[in-house]
């Protein structure tokens, strides 16, 4: 479904579980920091609004979106997190670099999701223009940082339900 016609709102959600006992790792790209910084702040705000303790949110920076895969893998290996949110923004340019980065990050994070017991949330905006990225952080086309956080909470709960 195109994000131009769909916005992730409370009416689309099942209840959001209490996150007070959950531990989150957030790996965030420094590239396009004006966007990734806003996504990060919204994610942290949403996690804490749903009970997560700030001491249970570990934020680590990596240089670019391609490095999110390594960062997420290391957070998982640390054993200190119940979910990882990988936050990045890739804006299309004039070369195929965009395609290579997007494919590599997508495949890498998907591989972590299938090979690890910790959910990895795909928080990478892949957009054609800087304005499209801005629109995904300021409410014009949603608050993606909030969406990433809610997804992380729900996926931890999903994993925990299977352990009962």
Protein backbone atom coordinates (compact mmCIF):
# COMPACT_ATOMS: atom_id res chain seq x y z
CA UNK A 1 0.00 0.00 0.00
CA UNK A 2 1.41 3.38 -0.94
CA UNK A 3 2.26 5.67 1.94
CA UNK A 4 0.65 8.47 -0.08
CA UNK A 5 -2.75 6.90 0.58
CA UNK A 6 -2.21 5.19 3.94
CA UNK A 7 -1.22 6.65 7.26
CA UNK A 8 -0.43 4.45 10.22
CA UNK A 9 -2.83 5.71 12.91
CA UNK A 10 -4.33 4.44 16.16
CA UNK A 11 -7.38 3.15 14.29
CA UNK A 12 -5.13 0.66 12.46
CA UNK A 13 -3.55 -0.66 15.63
CA UNK A 14 -4.26 -3.41 18.03
CA UNK A 15 -3.51 -2.28 21.59
CA UNK A 16 0.12 -1.38 22.18
CA UNK A 17 1.68 -3.55 24.90
CA UNK A 18 3.38 -2.13 27.98
CA UNK A 19 7.08 -1.66 27.20
CA UNK A 20 8.27 -1.16 30.78
CA UNK A 21 10.28 -4.42 30.87
CA UNK A 22 11.51 -4.23 27.28
CA UNK A 23 15.04 -3.31 26.20
CA UNK A 24 15.61 -1.59 22.88
CA UNK A 25 18.66 -0.97 20.76
CA UNK A 26 18.52 1.79 18.20
CA UNK A 27 21.21 2.01 15.57
CA UNK A 28 21.02 5.26 13.65
CA UNK A 29 22.83 6.49 10.56
CA UNK A 30 24.69 9.79 10.80
CA UNK A 31 24.12 10.40 7.08
CA UNK A 32 21.08 12.64 6.49
CA UNK A 33 21.18 13.44 10.20
CA UNK A 34 18.47 16.09 9.94
CA UNK A 35 16.05 13.29 9.05
CA UNK A 36 17.51 10.42 11.06
CA UNK A 37 17.77 12.65 14.14
CA UNK A 38 14.07 13.49 13.93
CA UNK A 39 13.18 9.82 13.44
CA UNK A 40 15.34 8.89 16.43
CA UNK A 41 13.73 11.47 18.70
CA UNK A 42 10.23 10.36 17.72
CA UNK A 43 11.15 6.72 18.30
CA UNK A 44 12.58 7.41 21.77
CA UNK A 45 9.59 9.58 22.70
CA UNK A 46 7.17 6.85 21.62
CA UNK A 47 9.04 4.08 23.42
CA UNK A 48 9.04 6.04 26.68
CA UNK A 49 5.37 7.01 26.25
CA UNK A 50 4.59 3.30 26.24
CA UNK A 51 6.58 2.58 29.38
CA UNK A 52 10.13 1.92 28.20
CA UNK A 53 12.72 3.20 30.64
CA UNK A 54 15.33 5.53 29.13
CA UNK A 55 17.99 3.31 30.71
CA UNK A 56 16.62 0.43 28.61
CA UNK A 57 17.13 2.30 25.32
CA UNK A 58 20.64 1.96 23.91
CA UNK A 59 21.39 4.31 20.99
CA UNK A 60 24.41 3.71 18.78
CA UNK A 61 25.43 5.70 15.70
CA UNK A 62 26.98 4.43 12.49
CA UNK A 63 28.28 6.51 9.57
CA UNK A 64 25.72 5.54 6.93
CA UNK A 65 22.74 3.33 6.19
CA UNK A 66 24.85 0.48 4.82
CA UNK A 67 26.52 0.18 8.23
CA UNK A 68 23.17 -0.30 9.96
CA UNK A 69 23.40 -4.05 9.33
CA UNK A 70 26.68 -4.39 11.22
CA UNK A 71 25.43 -2.10 13.98
CA UNK A 72 22.21 -4.08 14.40
CA UNK A 73 24.12 -7.37 14.42
CA UNK A 74 26.45 -6.11 17.15
CA UNK A 75 23.55 -4.90 19.30
CA UNK A 76 21.95 -8.34 18.98
CA UNK A 77 25.23 -10.08 19.86
CA UNK A 78 25.56 -7.93 22.98
CA UNK A 79 22.54 -9.68 24.49
CA UNK A 80 21.41 -6.34 25.93
CA UNK A 81 18.35 -5.78 23.73
CA UNK A 82 14.99 -7.38 23.04
CA UNK A 83 14.60 -5.56 19.70
CA UNK A 84 16.68 -3.38 17.40
CA UNK A 85 15.39 -0.42 15.41
CA UNK A 86 17.64 0.41 12.44
CA UNK A 87 17.12 4.06 11.43
CA UNK A 88 18.48 5.50 8.20
CA UNK A 89 17.55 7.61 5.21
CA UNK A 90 18.68 7.04 1.64
CA UNK A 91 17.79 9.72 -0.93
CA UNK A 92 17.96 8.80 -4.61
CA UNK A 93 20.72 10.51 -6.55
CA UNK A 94 22.00 10.47 -10.11
CA UNK A 95 23.87 7.17 -9.83
CA UNK A 96 22.94 3.56 -9.03
CA UNK A 97 24.51 3.97 -5.56
CA UNK A 98 20.99 4.40 -4.12
CA UNK A 99 19.93 1.00 -5.46
CA UNK A 100 23.00 -0.79 -4.12
CA UNK A 101 22.71 0.73 -0.64
CA UNK A 102 18.96 0.10 -0.39
CA UNK A 103 19.29 -3.48 -1.56
CA UNK A 104 22.23 -4.22 0.73
CA UNK A 105 20.57 -2.76 3.81
CA UNK A 106 17.26 -4.44 3.09
CA UNK A 107 18.83 -7.84 2.51
CA UNK A 108 21.12 -7.52 5.52
CA UNK A 109 18.38 -6.54 7.95
CA UNK A 110 16.06 -9.21 6.53
CA UNK A 111 18.80 -11.81 7.07
CA UNK A 112 19.16 -10.74 10.69
CA UNK A 113 15.42 -11.10 11.16
CA UNK A 114 15.44 -14.67 9.88
CA UNK A 115 18.61 -15.80 11.64
CA UNK A 116 18.34 -14.14 15.07
CA UNK A 117 15.89 -14.35 17.93
CA UNK A 118 15.73 -10.57 18.25
CA UNK A 119 13.40 -8.63 15.95
CA UNK A 120 15.04 -5.99 13.77
CA UNK A 121 12.79 -3.15 12.71
CA UNK A 122 13.39 -1.71 9.25
CA UNK A 123 13.44 2.02 9.90
CA UNK A 124 15.12 3.05 6.68
CA UNK A 125 13.43 5.69 4.55
CA UNK A 126 14.17 5.14 0.87
CA UNK A 127 12.96 8.25 -0.93
CA UNK A 128 13.37 10.09 -4.19
CA UNK A 129 13.74 13.54 -2.65
CA UNK A 130 14.71 15.18 0.62
CA UNK A 131 11.18 16.59 0.84
CA UNK A 132 9.71 13.10 0.80
CA UNK A 133 11.90 12.25 3.80
CA UNK A 134 10.82 15.41 5.62
CA UNK A 135 7.16 14.60 4.92
CA UNK A 136 7.64 11.23 6.65
CA UNK A 137 8.92 12.88 9.81
CA UNK A 138 6.59 15.87 10.18
CA UNK A 139 3.20 14.23 9.79
CA UNK A 140 2.45 15.04 6.16
CA UNK A 141 2.91 11.34 5.35
CA UNK A 142 3.07 10.02 8.91
CA UNK A 143 5.50 10.00 11.80
CA UNK A 144 7.74 7.14 10.81
CA UNK A 145 9.89 7.25 13.96
CA UNK A 146 6.74 6.64 16.01
CA UNK A 147 5.76 3.79 13.70
CA UNK A 148 9.17 2.15 14.07
CA UNK A 149 8.90 2.29 17.87
CA UNK A 150 5.38 0.86 17.97
CA UNK A 151 6.47 -1.93 15.65
CA UNK A 152 9.42 -2.72 17.94
CA UNK A 153 7.18 -2.90 21.01
CA UNK A 154 4.72 -5.15 19.24
CA UNK A 155 7.43 -7.45 17.91
CA UNK A 156 9.03 -7.88 21.33
CA UNK A 157 5.60 -8.75 22.70
CA UNK A 158 5.10 -11.18 19.79
CA UNK A 159 8.40 -12.92 20.59
CA UNK A 160 7.61 -13.02 24.30
CA UNK A 161 4.16 -14.54 23.66
CA UNK A 162 5.85 -17.47 21.91
CA UNK A 163 8.02 -18.11 24.97
CA UNK A 164 5.06 -18.62 27.30
